Amino acid sequence: MDVLITGGAGYIGSTVASALTDAGHRAVVLDDLSTGRAEFVRGHRFYQGDVADRALVRRVLAENPGITAAVHCAARVVVPDSVARPGDYYRTNVTGTLELAETLAGCGVRDLVFSSSAAIYRPGTDHSVDESSPWAPASPYARTKAIAETMLADLAVATGLRVLALRYFNPVGADPLLRTGVQLRRPTHALGVLAHAWGAGTPFSIMGTDYPTRDGTAIRDYVHVWDLARAHVTALERFDRALDGRPAHAINLGTGRGTTVRELVAAFEHATGRPVPVVEGPRRPGDTVGAYARTDRARRLLGWRAERDLATAVADTLAWLERRGLVLPDLSRRERVPAGSGG
């Protein structure tokens, strides 16, 4: 199977590309390299550009006529940044998705896997959610994902496009073979920030200690990025079953376990054998208490469950940090806030 991966030079997209290749498929990558890395696309057919560039997308498909499906990972993804620059997020995550989806449909590529987010949910009293849980996106980033999902479902009805939204919880870790990992020198997700602080010998900031959780800190479902990548491969291979008779469908991808920020710090300390200095601060703009997944649908339709635990994610993160400078030697010049490549 030939698959177009947008944002395939980013963290998640590049890992999906590796998983597809390992499974005997061919990945064709489209990325604007605003945060993605050219080093991550070695071995794949690569095009640099914007997903909203209809002429470019048509050229990619014309030059790769075997493409029958697309995985859309390209997005802006940082919650506080979305509060500061909402227009950029709507332009990339909503308008860009619309342009891409209509171009795919017009060129006869029917199957689209959309990288969505658990940030769209309103958690239940126990902080767990399934695919039928109510939505309450609390940041511009989350709202762009909710709007894009709704828009794609409408397009599926009107155009014959078939859409599978995979709602990620909190990706962590790295490719177990250390081909790819978080590309930014200063990551923005909790485990990456924690690992960076540990490596630099600086305190880790817990942002928000007044959440309604067991220890007052936000709760997340940390799912290993390789488990996420495996789920994409399975979804593409079992697309008909995953849709469950619908033109558009959604599936949660998480571990089914909630971990608070304090518990994440404890797991990191256990893995490294060293204490991590911690300071407490106010909540970040746009952040929520968080949620963890109920994953019955993923098991039923994909036969998928997360196999790698948090300890493995911590170990893979640390191993990637040791190797990252060899894979991405110019990181010191690319430390800005994540923008267009997502993934």
C-alpha atoms as a PDB file:
ATOM      1  CA  MET A   1       0.000   0.000   0.000  1.00  0.00           C
ATOM      2  CA  ASP A   2       1.243   3.516  -0.859  1.00  0.00           C
ATOM      3  CA  VAL A   3       0.268   6.123   1.755  1.00  0.00           C
ATOM      4  CA  LEU A   4       0.618   9.907   1.745  1.00  0.00           C
ATOM      5  CA  ILE A   5       1.682  11.200   5.172  1.00  0.00           C
ATOM      6  CA  THR A   6       1.317  14.929   5.755  1.00  0.00           C
ATOM      7  CA  GLY A   7       3.510  16.216   8.556  1.00  0.00           C
ATOM      8  CA  GLY A   8       5.611  13.099   8.004  1.00  0.00           C
ATOM      9  CA  ALA A   9       8.814  14.880   9.000  1.00  0.00           C
ATOM     10  CA  GLY A  10       7.454  15.578  12.482  1.00  0.00           C
ATOM     11  CA  TYR A  11       7.434  13.520  15.661  1.00  0.00           C
ATOM     12  CA  ILE A  12       4.349  11.365  15.138  1.00  0.00           C
ATOM     13  CA  GLY A  13       4.239  11.457  11.347  1.00  0.00           C
ATOM     14  CA  SER A  14       7.816  10.245  10.982  1.00  0.00           C
ATOM     15  CA  THR A  15       7.184   7.406  13.416  1.00  0.00           C
ATOM     16  CA  VAL A  16       4.087   6.399  11.450  1.00  0.00           C
ATOM     17  CA  ALA A  17       6.194   6.420   8.269  1.00  0.00           C
ATOM     18  CA  SER A  18       8.723   4.058   9.887  1.00  0.00           C
ATOM     19  CA  ALA A  19       5.981   1.735  11.107  1.00  0.00           C
ATOM     20  CA  LEU A  20       4.405   1.633   7.650  1.00  0.00           C
ATOM     21  CA  THR A  21       7.755   0.838   6.043  1.00  0.00           C
ATOM     22  CA  ASP A  22       8.453  -1.888   8.588  1.00  0.00           C
ATOM     23  CA  ALA A  23       5.066  -3.404   7.721  1.00  0.00           C
ATOM     24  CA  GLY A  24       5.928  -3.535   4.005  1.00  0.00           C
ATOM     25  CA  HIS A  25       4.102  -0.403   2.867  1.00  0.00           C
ATOM     26  CA  ARG A  26       5.458   2.718   1.133  1.00  0.00           C
ATOM     27  CA  ALA A  27       5.271   6.167   2.728  1.00  0.00           C
ATOM     28  CA  VAL A  28       5.227   9.343   0.626  1.00  0.00           C
ATOM     29  CA  VAL A  29       5.826  12.373   2.854  1.00  0.00           C
ATOM     30  CA  LEU A  30       4.555  15.942   2.445  1.00  0.00           C
ATOM     31  CA  ASP A  31       5.850  18.441   5.019  1.00  0.00           C
ATOM     32  CA  ASP A  32       6.650  22.150   4.980  1.00  0.00           C
ATOM     33  CA  LEU A  33       9.605  21.622   7.381  1.00  0.00           C
ATOM     34  CA  SER A  34       8.466  24.493   9.584  1.00  0.00           C
ATOM     35  CA  THR A  35       9.179  22.185  12.514  1.00  0.00           C
ATOM     36  CA  GLY A  36       9.633  18.838  10.797  1.00  0.00           C
ATOM     37  CA  ARG A  37      13.131  17.639  10.015  1.00  0.00           C
ATOM     38  CA  ALA A  38      14.512  16.605   6.644  1.00  0.00           C
ATOM     39  CA  GLU A  39      16.648  14.005   8.449  1.00  0.00           C
ATOM     40  CA  PHE A  40      13.445  12.140   9.349  1.00  0.00           C
ATOM     41  CA  VAL A  41      12.360  11.592   5.739  1.00  0.00           C
ATOM     42  CA  ARG A  42      15.466   9.809   4.506  1.00  0.00           C
ATOM     43  CA  GLY A  43      14.419   6.647   2.737  1.00  0.00           C
ATOM     44  CA  HIS A  44      10.970   8.019   1.869  1.00  0.00           C
ATOM     45  CA  ARG A  45       9.738   9.900  -1.195  1.00  0.00           C
ATOM     46  CA  PHE A  46       9.565  13.473   0.080  1.00  0.00           C
ATOM     47  CA  TYR A  47       7.881  16.681  -1.051  1.00  0.00           C
ATOM     48  CA  GLN A  48       8.351  19.985   0.762  1.00  0.00           C
ATOM     49  CA  GLY A  49       5.330  22.252   0.856  1.00  0.00           C
ATOM     50  CA  ASP A  50       1.984  23.195   2.353  1.00  0.00           C
ATOM     51  CA  VAL A  51      -0.979  20.815   2.529  1.00  0.00           C
ATOM     52  CA  ALA A  52      -3.185  23.729   1.417  1.00  0.00           C
ATOM     53  CA  ASP A  53      -1.294  23.962  -1.890  1.00  0.00           C
ATOM     54  CA  ARG A  54      -3.746  22.113  -4.104  1.00  0.00           C
ATOM     55  CA  ALA A  55      -1.447  22.134  -7.139  1.00  0.00           C
ATOM     56  CA  LEU A  56       1.349  20.551  -5.113  1.00  0.00           C
ATOM     57  CA  VAL A  57      -0.915  17.879  -3.628  1.00  0.00           C
ATOM     58  CA  ARG A  58      -2.230  17.044  -7.090  1.00  0.00           C
ATOM     59  CA  ARG A  59       1.363  16.745  -8.343  1.00  0.00           C
ATOM     60  CA  VAL A  60       2.296  14.442  -5.455  1.00  0.00           C
ATOM     61  CA  LEU A  61      -0.644  12.186  -6.271  1.00  0.00           C
ATOM     62  CA  ALA A  62       0.027  12.268 -10.020  1.00  0.00           C
ATOM     63  CA  GLU A  63       3.667  11.308  -9.514  1.00  0.00           C
ATOM     64  CA  ASN A  64       2.722   8.565  -7.058  1.00  0.00           C
ATOM     65  CA  PRO A  65      -0.355   6.945  -8.624  1.00  0.00           C
ATOM     66  CA  GLY A  66      -0.223   4.032  -6.179  1.00  0.00           C
ATOM     67  CA  ILE A  67      -1.343   6.238  -3.272  1.00  0.00           C
ATOM     68  CA  THR A  68      -4.707   4.988  -2.066  1.00  0.00           C
ATOM     69  CA  ALA A  69      -4.838   6.521   1.416  1.00  0.00           C
ATOM     70  CA  ALA A  70      -3.546   9.493   3.395  1.00  0.00           C
ATOM     71  CA  VAL A  71      -2.585  10.093   7.016  1.00  0.00           C
ATOM     72  CA  HIS A  72      -3.001  13.750   7.922  1.00  0.00           C
ATOM     73  CA  CYS A  73      -0.634  14.631  10.781  1.00  0.00           C
ATOM     74  CA  ALA A  74       0.358  18.146   9.705  1.00  0.00           C
ATOM     75  CA  ALA A  75      -0.881  20.640  12.295  1.00  0.00           C
ATOM     76  CA  ARG A  76       0.025  23.294  14.803  1.00  0.00           C
ATOM     77  CA  VAL A  77      -0.128  21.577  18.177  1.00  0.00           C
ATOM     78  CA  VAL A  78       0.960  23.724  21.160  1.00  0.00           C
ATOM     79  CA  VAL A  79      -1.927  24.736  23.427  1.00  0.00           C
ATOM     80  CA  PRO A  80      -0.506  27.964  24.947  1.00  0.00           C
ATOM     81  CA  ASP A  81       0.733  29.044  21.524  1.00  0.00           C
ATOM     82  CA  SER A  82      -2.783  28.545  20.159  1.00  0.00           C
ATOM     83  CA  VAL A  83      -4.122  30.923  22.822  1.00  0.00           C
ATOM     84  CA  ALA A  84      -1.582  33.544  21.769  1.00  0.00           C
ATOM     85  CA  ARG A  85      -1.953  33.028  17.992  1.00  0.00           C
ATOM     86  CA  PRO A  86      -5.377  31.494  17.299  1.00  0.00           C
ATOM     87  CA  GLY A  87      -5.535  32.725  13.708  1.00  0.00           C
ATOM     88  CA  ASP A  88      -2.474  30.711  12.778  1.00  0.00           C
ATOM     89  CA  TYR A  89      -4.059  27.588  14.253  1.00  0.00           C
ATOM     90  CA  TYR A  90      -7.372  27.993  12.451  1.00  0.00           C
ATOM     91  CA  ARG A  91      -5.573  28.742   9.185  1.00  0.00           C
ATOM     92  CA  THR A  92      -3.352  25.653   9.384  1.00  0.00           C
ATOM     93  CA  ASN A  93      -5.504  23.135  11.210  1.00  0.00           C
ATOM     94  CA  VAL A  94      -8.907  23.951   9.720  1.00  0.00           C
ATOM     95  CA  THR A  95      -8.386  25.677   6.381  1.00  0.00           C
ATOM     96  CA  GLY A  96      -5.375  23.525   5.514  1.00  0.00           C
ATOM     97  CA  THR A  97      -7.318  20.365   6.346  1.00  0.00           C
ATOM     98  CA  LEU A  98     -10.230  21.477   4.175  1.00  0.00           C
ATOM     99  CA  GLU A  99      -7.981  22.183   1.181  1.00  0.00           C
ATOM    100  CA  LEU A 100      -6.210  18.849   1.569  1.00  0.00           C
ATOM    101  CA  ALA A 101      -9.387  16.803   2.010  1.00  0.00           C
ATOM    102  CA  GLU A 102     -11.117  18.311  -1.014  1.00  0.00           C
ATOM    103  CA  THR A 103      -8.021  17.774  -3.145  1.00  0.00           C
ATOM    104  CA  LEU A 104      -7.724  14.157  -2.067  1.00  0.00           C
ATOM    105  CA  ALA A 105     -11.378  13.509  -2.796  1.00  0.00           C
ATOM    106  CA  GLY A 106     -11.119  15.223  -6.185  1.00  0.00           C
ATOM    107  CA  CYS A 107      -8.140  13.039  -7.106  1.00  0.00           C
ATOM    108  CA  GLY A 108      -9.846   9.811  -6.089  1.00  0.00           C
ATOM    109  CA  VAL A 109      -7.983   9.134  -2.836  1.00  0.00           C
ATOM    110  CA  ARG A 110     -10.871   8.017  -0.672  1.00  0.00           C
ATOM    111  CA  ASP A 111      -9.372   6.929   2.653  1.00  0.00           C
ATOM    112  CA  LEU A 112      -8.143   9.557   5.111  1.00  0.00           C
ATOM    113  CA  VAL A 113      -6.799   8.952   8.612  1.00  0.00           C
ATOM    114  CA  PHE A 114      -7.005  12.211  10.560  1.00  0.00           C
ATOM    115  CA  SER A 115      -4.789  12.952  13.561  1.00  0.00           C
ATOM    116  CA  SER A 116      -7.306  14.226  16.075  1.00  0.00           C
ATOM    117  CA  SER A 117      -7.009  14.841  19.797  1.00  0.00           C
ATOM    118  CA  ALA A 118      -8.517  13.868  23.117  1.00  0.00           C
ATOM    119  CA  ALA A 119      -8.376  17.580  23.956  1.00  0.00           C
ATOM    120  CA  ILE A 120     -11.839  17.889  22.415  1.00  0.00           C
ATOM    121  CA  TYR A 121     -13.490  15.951  25.277  1.00  0.00           C
ATOM    122  CA  ARG A 122     -15.197  16.992  28.477  1.00  0.00           C
ATOM    123  CA  PRO A 123     -13.918  14.408  30.972  1.00  0.00           C
ATOM    124  CA  GLY A 124     -16.290  12.467  33.192  1.00  0.00           C
ATOM    125  CA  THR A 125     -16.145  12.607  36.972  1.00  0.00           C
ATOM    126  CA  ASP A 126     -13.496   9.881  36.965  1.00  0.00           C
ATOM    127  CA  HIS A 127     -11.584  11.712  34.151  1.00  0.00           C
ATOM    128  CA  SER A 128     -12.160   8.882  31.674  1.00  0.00           C
ATOM    129  CA  VAL A 129     -13.750   9.344  28.254  1.00  0.00           C
ATOM    130  CA  ASP A 130     -14.951   7.183  25.400  1.00  0.00           C
ATOM    131  CA  GLU A 131     -15.818   8.198  21.858  1.00  0.00           C
ATOM    132  CA  SER A 132     -19.369   9.162  22.845  1.00  0.00           C
ATOM    133  CA  SER A 133     -18.293  11.502  25.664  1.00  0.00           C
ATOM    134  CA  PRO A 134     -19.394  15.133  25.277  1.00  0.00           C
ATOM    135  CA  TRP A 135     -17.068  17.645  23.700  1.00  0.00           C
ATOM    136  CA  ALA A 136     -15.810  20.760  25.469  1.00  0.00           C
ATOM    137  CA  PRO A 137     -12.639  21.922  23.689  1.00  0.00           C
ATOM    138  CA  ALA A 138     -11.007  24.459  25.999  1.00  0.00           C
ATOM    139  CA  SER A 139      -8.319  25.994  23.777  1.00  0.00           C
ATOM    140  CA  PRO A 140      -8.091  27.259  20.211  1.00  0.00           C
ATOM    141  CA  TYR A 141      -5.960  24.201  19.401  1.00  0.00           C
ATOM    142  CA  ALA A 142      -8.635  21.833  20.699  1.00  0.00           C
ATOM    143  CA  ARG A 143     -11.369  23.754  18.917  1.00  0.00           C
ATOM    144  CA  THR A 144      -9.522  23.458  15.606  1.00  0.00           C
ATOM    145  CA  LYS A 145      -9.474  19.681  16.021  1.00  0.00           C
ATOM    146  CA  ALA A 146     -13.175  19.579  16.874  1.00  0.00           C
ATOM    147  CA  ILE A 147     -14.055  21.772  13.896  1.00  0.00           C
ATOM    148  CA  ALA A 148     -11.847  19.769  11.543  1.00  0.00           C
ATOM    149  CA  GLU A 149     -13.445  16.495  12.640  1.00  0.00           C
ATOM    150  CA  THR A 150     -16.943  17.878  12.099  1.00  0.00           C
ATOM    151  CA  MET A 151     -15.964  19.304   8.730  1.00  0.00           C
ATOM    152  CA  LEU A 152     -14.417  16.037   7.563  1.00  0.00           C
ATOM    153  CA  ALA A 153     -17.519  14.094   8.596  1.00  0.00           C
ATOM    154  CA  ASP A 154     -19.635  16.445   6.455  1.00  0.00           C
ATOM    155  CA  LEU A 155     -17.236  16.072   3.526  1.00  0.00           C
ATOM    156  CA  ALA A 156     -17.410  12.298   3.864  1.00  0.00           C
ATOM    157  CA  VAL A 157     -21.158  12.381   3.367  1.00  0.00           C
ATOM    158  CA  ALA A 158     -20.958  14.744   0.396  1.00  0.00           C
ATOM    159  CA  THR A 159     -17.870  13.527  -1.480  1.00  0.00           C
ATOM    160  CA  GLY A 160     -17.388   9.822  -0.854  1.00  0.00           C
ATOM    161  CA  LEU A 161     -14.286  10.498   1.214  1.00  0.00           C
ATOM    162  CA  ARG A 162     -13.963   7.999   4.069  1.00  0.00           C
ATOM    163  CA  VAL A 163     -12.548   9.468   7.280  1.00  0.00           C
ATOM    164  CA  LEU A 164     -11.156   7.770  10.350  1.00  0.00           C
ATOM    165  CA  ALA A 165     -10.312  10.208  13.152  1.00  0.00           C
ATOM    166  CA  LEU A 166      -7.774   8.787  15.578  1.00  0.00           C
ATOM    167  CA  ARG A 167      -8.067  10.742  18.809  1.00  0.00           C
ATOM    168  CA  TYR A 168      -4.614  10.764  20.362  1.00  0.00           C
ATOM    169  CA  PHE A 169      -4.159  11.140  24.059  1.00  0.00           C
ATOM    170  CA  ASN A 170      -0.587  12.127  25.070  1.00  0.00           C
ATOM    171  CA  PRO A 171       2.186  10.747  22.853  1.00  0.00           C
ATOM    172  CA  VAL A 172       5.498  10.017  24.584  1.00  0.00           C
ATOM    173  CA  GLY A 173       8.661   8.030  23.933  1.00  0.00           C
ATOM    174  CA  ALA A 174      10.479   7.515  20.657  1.00  0.00           C
ATOM    175  CA  ASP A 175      10.853   5.015  17.862  1.00  0.00           C
ATOM    176  CA  PRO A 176      12.320   1.953  19.651  1.00  0.00           C
ATOM    177  CA  LEU A 177      15.034   1.767  16.974  1.00  0.00           C
ATOM    178  CA  LEU A 178      15.804   5.463  17.639  1.00  0.00           C
ATOM    179  CA  ARG A 179      15.308   6.487  14.029  1.00  0.00           C
ATOM    180  CA  THR A 180      13.069   9.350  15.130  1.00  0.00           C
ATOM    181  CA  GLY A 181      11.818  11.078  18.262  1.00  0.00           C
ATOM    182  CA  VAL A 182      10.868  14.529  19.465  1.00  0.00           C
ATOM    183  CA  GLN A 183      12.757  16.824  17.120  1.00  0.00           C
ATOM    184  CA  LEU A 184      12.679  20.031  19.146  1.00  0.00           C
ATOM    185  CA  ARG A 185      15.546  20.816  21.476  1.00  0.00           C
ATOM    186  CA  ARG A 186      13.052  22.228  23.968  1.00  0.00           C
ATOM    187  CA  PRO A 187       9.949  19.990  23.843  1.00  0.00           C
ATOM    188  CA  THR A 188       6.586  21.282  25.014  1.00  0.00           C
ATOM    189  CA  HIS A 189       4.912  18.083  26.246  1.00  0.00           C
ATOM    190  CA  ALA A 190       5.300  17.100  29.897  1.00  0.00           C
ATOM    191  CA  LEU A 191       7.695  14.151  29.589  1.00  0.00           C
ATOM    192  CA  GLY A 192       9.886  16.011  27.097  1.00  0.00           C
ATOM    193  CA  VAL A 193      10.014  19.081  29.334  1.00  0.00           C
ATOM    194  CA  LEU A 194      10.789  16.863  32.318  1.00  0.00           C
ATOM    195  CA  ALA A 195      13.598  15.061  30.501  1.00  0.00           C
ATOM    196  CA  HIS A 196      15.037  18.352  29.267  1.00  0.00           C
ATOM    197  CA  ALA A 197      14.997  19.831  32.779  1.00  0.00           C
ATOM    198  CA  TRP A 198      16.632  16.696  34.169  1.00  0.00           C
ATOM    199  CA  GLY A 199      19.353  16.800  31.545  1.00  0.00           C
ATOM    200  CA  ALA A 200      19.988  20.507  32.078  1.00  0.00           C
ATOM    201  CA  GLY A 201      19.965  20.214  35.866  1.00  0.00           C
ATOM    202  CA  THR A 202      17.135  22.728  36.199  1.00  0.00           C
ATOM    203  CA  PRO A 203      13.881  22.369  38.154  1.00  0.00           C
ATOM    204  CA  PHE A 204      10.790  20.958  36.481  1.00  0.00           C
ATOM    205  CA  SER A 205       7.754  23.211  36.719  1.00  0.00           C
ATOM    206  CA  ILE A 206       4.410  21.671  37.629  1.00  0.00           C
ATOM    207  CA  MET A 207       1.916  24.025  36.055  1.00  0.00           C
ATOM    208  CA  GLY A 208      -1.236  23.884  38.145  1.00  0.00           C
ATOM    209  CA  THR A 209      -1.692  22.171  41.511  1.00  0.00           C
ATOM    210  CA  ASP A 210      -5.381  22.907  42.120  1.00  0.00           C
ATOM    211  CA  TYR A 211      -6.974  20.484  39.679  1.00  0.00           C
ATOM    212  CA  PRO A 212      -9.698  18.110  40.991  1.00  0.00           C
ATOM    213  CA  THR A 213      -7.454  15.013  40.871  1.00  0.00           C
ATOM    214  CA  ARG A 214      -5.996  12.730  43.500  1.00  0.00           C
ATOM    215  CA  ASP A 215      -2.938  14.960  44.008  1.00  0.00           C
ATOM    216  CA  GLY A 216      -4.071  18.288  42.543  1.00  0.00           C
ATOM    217  CA  THR A 217      -2.065  18.045  39.324  1.00  0.00           C
ATOM    218  CA  ALA A 218      -3.387  17.495  35.821  1.00  0.00           C
ATOM    219  CA  ILE A 219      -4.028  13.947  34.654  1.00  0.00           C
ATOM    220  CA  ARG A 220      -3.004  12.538  31.278  1.00  0.00           C
ATOM    221  CA  ASP A 221      -3.013   9.249  29.383  1.00  0.00           C
ATOM    222  CA  TYR A 222       0.584   8.836  28.211  1.00  0.00           C
ATOM    223  CA  VAL A 223       0.644   6.532  25.185  1.00  0.00           C
ATOM    224  CA  HIS A 224       3.886   5.435  23.563  1.00  0.00           C
ATOM    225  CA  VAL A 225       4.388   6.923  20.107  1.00  0.00           C
ATOM    226  CA  TRP A 226       5.260   3.510  18.667  1.00  0.00           C
ATOM    227  CA  ASP A 227       1.938   2.131  19.880  1.00  0.00           C
ATOM    228  CA  LEU A 228       0.263   5.072  18.133  1.00  0.00           C
ATOM    229  CA  ALA A 229       2.193   4.317  14.958  1.00  0.00           C
ATOM    230  CA  ARG A 230       1.158   0.654  15.080  1.00  0.00           C
ATOM    231  CA  ALA A 231      -2.459   1.754  15.402  1.00  0.00           C
ATOM    232  CA  HIS A 232      -2.172   3.802  12.195  1.00  0.00           C
ATOM    233  CA  VAL A 233      -0.820   0.825  10.282  1.00  0.00           C
ATOM    234  CA  THR A 234      -3.623  -1.374  11.565  1.00  0.00           C
ATOM    235  CA  ALA A 235      -6.238   1.275  10.803  1.00  0.00           C
ATOM    236  CA  LEU A 236      -5.048   1.571   7.215  1.00  0.00           C
ATOM    237  CA  GLU A 237      -4.962  -2.204   6.765  1.00  0.00           C
ATOM    238  CA  ARG A 238      -8.423  -2.653   8.314  1.00  0.00           C
ATOM    239  CA  PHE A 239     -10.055   0.541   7.126  1.00  0.00           C
ATOM    240  CA  ASP A 240     -13.432  -1.008   6.286  1.00  0.00           C
ATOM    241  CA  ARG A 241     -13.691  -2.659   9.680  1.00  0.00           C
ATOM    242  CA  ALA A 242     -12.513   0.477  11.495  1.00  0.00           C
ATOM    243  CA  LEU A 243     -15.256   2.556   9.871  1.00  0.00           C
ATOM    244  CA  ASP A 244     -17.860   0.140  11.224  1.00  0.00           C
ATOM    245  CA  GLY A 245     -20.270   0.886   8.370  1.00  0.00           C
ATOM    246  CA  ARG A 246     -20.002   4.685   8.593  1.00  0.00           C
ATOM    247  CA  PRO A 247     -18.546   7.251   6.192  1.00  0.00           C
ATOM    248  CA  ALA A 248     -16.651   8.787   9.130  1.00  0.00           C
ATOM    249  CA  HIS A 249     -15.738   7.289  12.484  1.00  0.00           C
ATOM    250  CA  ALA A 250     -13.524   8.065  15.488  1.00  0.00           C
ATOM    251  CA  ILE A 251     -11.359   5.842  17.685  1.00  0.00           C
ATOM    252  CA  ASN A 252      -9.554   6.715  20.920  1.00  0.00           C
ATOM    253  CA  LEU A 253      -5.863   5.824  21.134  1.00  0.00           C
ATOM    254  CA  GLY A 254      -4.656   5.693  24.717  1.00  0.00           C
ATOM    255  CA  THR A 255      -3.564   3.260  27.402  1.00  0.00           C
ATOM    256  CA  GLY A 256      -6.736   3.376  29.464  1.00  0.00           C
ATOM    257  CA  ARG A 257      -4.732   4.582  32.480  1.00  0.00           C
ATOM    258  CA  GLY A 258      -4.516   8.066  33.926  1.00  0.00           C
ATOM    259  CA  THR A 259      -1.233   9.446  35.275  1.00  0.00           C
ATOM    260  CA  THR A 260      -0.962  12.740  37.150  1.00  0.00           C
ATOM    261  CA  VAL A 261       1.969  15.077  36.672  1.00  0.00           C
ATOM    262  CA  ARG A 262       3.330  14.211  40.110  1.00  0.00           C
ATOM    263  CA  GLU A 263       3.071  10.522  39.245  1.00  0.00           C
ATOM    264  CA  LEU A 264       4.929  11.192  35.999  1.00  0.00           C
ATOM    265  CA  VAL A 265       7.745  12.802  37.970  1.00  0.00           C
ATOM    266  CA  ALA A 266       7.852   9.815  40.332  1.00  0.00           C
ATOM    267  CA  ALA A 267       8.016   7.378  37.390  1.00  0.00           C
ATOM    268  CA  PHE A 268      10.842   9.409  35.855  1.00  0.00           C
ATOM    269  CA  GLU A 269      12.760   9.443  39.140  1.00  0.00           C
ATOM    270  CA  HIS A 270      12.312   5.693  39.466  1.00  0.00           C
ATOM    271  CA  ALA A 271      13.624   5.131  35.925  1.00  0.00           C
ATOM    272  CA  THR A 272      16.663   7.374  36.350  1.00  0.00           C
ATOM    273  CA  GLY A 273      17.439   6.667  39.992  1.00  0.00           C
ATOM    274  CA  ARG A 274      17.819  10.408  40.597  1.00  0.00           C
ATOM    275  CA  PRO A 275      15.506  12.958  42.223  1.00  0.00           C
ATOM    276  CA  VAL A 276      14.081  15.731  40.057  1.00  0.00           C
ATOM    277  CA  PRO A 277      13.832  19.211  41.607  1.00  0.00           C
ATOM    278  CA  VAL A 278      10.282  20.522  41.222  1.00  0.00           C
ATOM    279  CA  VAL A 279       8.768  23.981  41.411  1.00  0.00           C
ATOM    280  CA  GLU A 280       5.069  24.720  41.334  1.00  0.00           C
ATOM    281  CA  GLY A 281       3.402  27.339  39.163  1.00  0.00           C
ATOM    282  CA  PRO A 282      -0.034  28.419  37.898  1.00  0.00           C
ATOM    283  CA  ARG A 283      -1.952  26.622  35.174  1.00  0.00           C
ATOM    284  CA  ARG A 284      -0.858  27.267  31.600  1.00  0.00           C
ATOM    285  CA  PRO A 285      -3.325  29.149  29.383  1.00  0.00           C
ATOM    286  CA  GLY A 286      -5.686  26.705  27.697  1.00  0.00           C
ATOM    287  CA  ASP A 287      -4.761  23.696  29.826  1.00  0.00           C
ATOM    288  CA  THR A 288      -7.424  21.445  31.336  1.00  0.00           C
ATOM    289  CA  VAL A 289      -7.539  18.831  34.061  1.00  0.00           C
ATOM    290  CA  GLY A 290      -7.126  16.199  31.333  1.00  0.00           C
ATOM    291  CA  ALA A 291      -8.527  12.755  30.702  1.00  0.00           C
ATOM    292  CA  TYR A 292      -7.655   9.156  30.015  1.00  0.00           C
ATOM    293  CA  ALA A 293      -9.091   6.855  27.388  1.00  0.00           C
ATOM    294  CA  ARG A 294     -11.663   4.149  27.473  1.00  0.00           C
ATOM    295  CA  THR A 295     -10.365   2.013  24.622  1.00  0.00           C
ATOM    296  CA  ASP A 296     -13.011  -0.652  23.994  1.00  0.00           C
ATOM    297  CA  ARG A 297     -13.599   0.569  20.426  1.00  0.00           C
ATOM    298  CA  ALA A 298      -9.914   0.330  19.496  1.00  0.00           C
ATOM    299  CA  ARG A 299      -9.773  -3.245  20.777  1.00  0.00           C
ATOM    300  CA  ARG A 300     -13.001  -4.216  19.015  1.00  0.00           C
ATOM    301  CA  LEU A 301     -12.410  -2.619  15.618  1.00  0.00           C
ATOM    302  CA  LEU A 302      -8.627  -2.597  15.333  1.00  0.00           C
ATOM    303  CA  GLY A 303      -7.621  -5.418  17.613  1.00  0.00           C
ATOM    304  CA  TRP A 304      -5.239  -2.824  19.089  1.00  0.00           C
ATOM    305  CA  ARG A 305      -4.129  -2.016  22.594  1.00  0.00           C
ATOM    306  CA  ALA A 306      -1.174  -0.117  23.966  1.00  0.00           C
ATOM    307  CA  GLU A 307       1.701  -2.505  24.717  1.00  0.00           C
ATOM    308  CA  ARG A 308       4.418  -0.175  26.014  1.00  0.00           C
ATOM    309  CA  ASP A 309       4.153   1.231  29.522  1.00  0.00           C
ATOM    310  CA  LEU A 310       5.277   4.557  30.947  1.00  0.00           C
ATOM    311  CA  ALA A 311       8.593   3.134  32.160  1.00  0.00           C
ATOM    312  CA  THR A 312       9.373   2.060  28.604  1.00  0.00           C
ATOM    313  CA  ALA A 313       8.416   5.514  27.317  1.00  0.00           C
ATOM    314  CA  VAL A 314      10.760   7.164  29.818  1.00  0.00           C
ATOM    315  CA  ALA A 315      13.603   4.812  28.859  1.00  0.00           C
ATOM    316  CA  ASP A 316      13.051   5.424  25.136  1.00  0.00           C
ATOM    317  CA  THR A 317      12.871   9.175  25.693  1.00  0.00           C
ATOM    318  CA  LEU A 318      16.195   9.168  27.525  1.00  0.00           C
ATOM    319  CA  ALA A 319      17.777   6.942  24.884  1.00  0.00           C
ATOM    320  CA  TRP A 320      16.571   9.314  22.162  1.00  0.00           C
ATOM    321  CA  LEU A 321      18.005  12.313  24.016  1.00  0.00           C
ATOM    322  CA  GLU A 322      21.368  10.583  24.025  1.00  0.00           C
ATOM    323  CA  ARG A 323      21.183   9.966  20.271  1.00  0.00           C
ATOM    324  CA  ARG A 324      19.313  13.042  19.075  1.00  0.00           C
ATOM    325  CA  GLY A 325      22.389  15.193  18.523  1.00  0.00           C
ATOM    326  CA  LEU A 326      23.766  12.594  16.110  1.00  0.00           C
ATOM    327  CA  VAL A 327      20.536  12.394  14.112  1.00  0.00           C
ATOM    328  CA  LEU A 328      19.707  16.121  14.253  1.00  0.00           C
ATOM    329  CA  PRO A 329      23.072  17.880  14.505  1.00  0.00           C
ATOM    330  CA  ASP A 330      21.791  21.434  13.978  1.00  0.00           C
ATOM    331  CA  LEU A 331      19.118  21.497  16.672  1.00  0.00           C
ATOM    332  CA  SER A 332      20.705  24.457  18.417  1.00  0.00           C
ATOM    333  CA  ARG A 333      19.504  26.666  15.550  1.00  0.00           C
ATOM    334  CA  ARG A 334      15.891  25.399  15.722  1.00  0.00           C
ATOM    335  CA  GLU A 335      14.515  26.079  19.176  1.00  0.00           C
ATOM    336  CA  ARG A 336      11.404  28.070  18.366  1.00  0.00           C
ATOM    337  CA  VAL A 337       7.836  27.136  19.332  1.00  0.00           C
ATOM    338  CA  PRO A 338       6.379  24.312  17.207  1.00  0.00           C
ATOM    339  CA  ALA A 339       4.418  25.611  14.252  1.00  0.00           C
ATOM    340  CA  GLY A 340       3.208  24.018  11.076  1.00  0.00           C
ATOM    341  CA  SER A 341       4.509  20.493  10.800  1.00  0.00           C
ATOM    342  CA  GLY A 342       2.906  18.881  13.814  1.00  0.00           C
ATOM    343  CA  GLY A 343       2.919  15.149  13.685  1.00  0.00           C
END
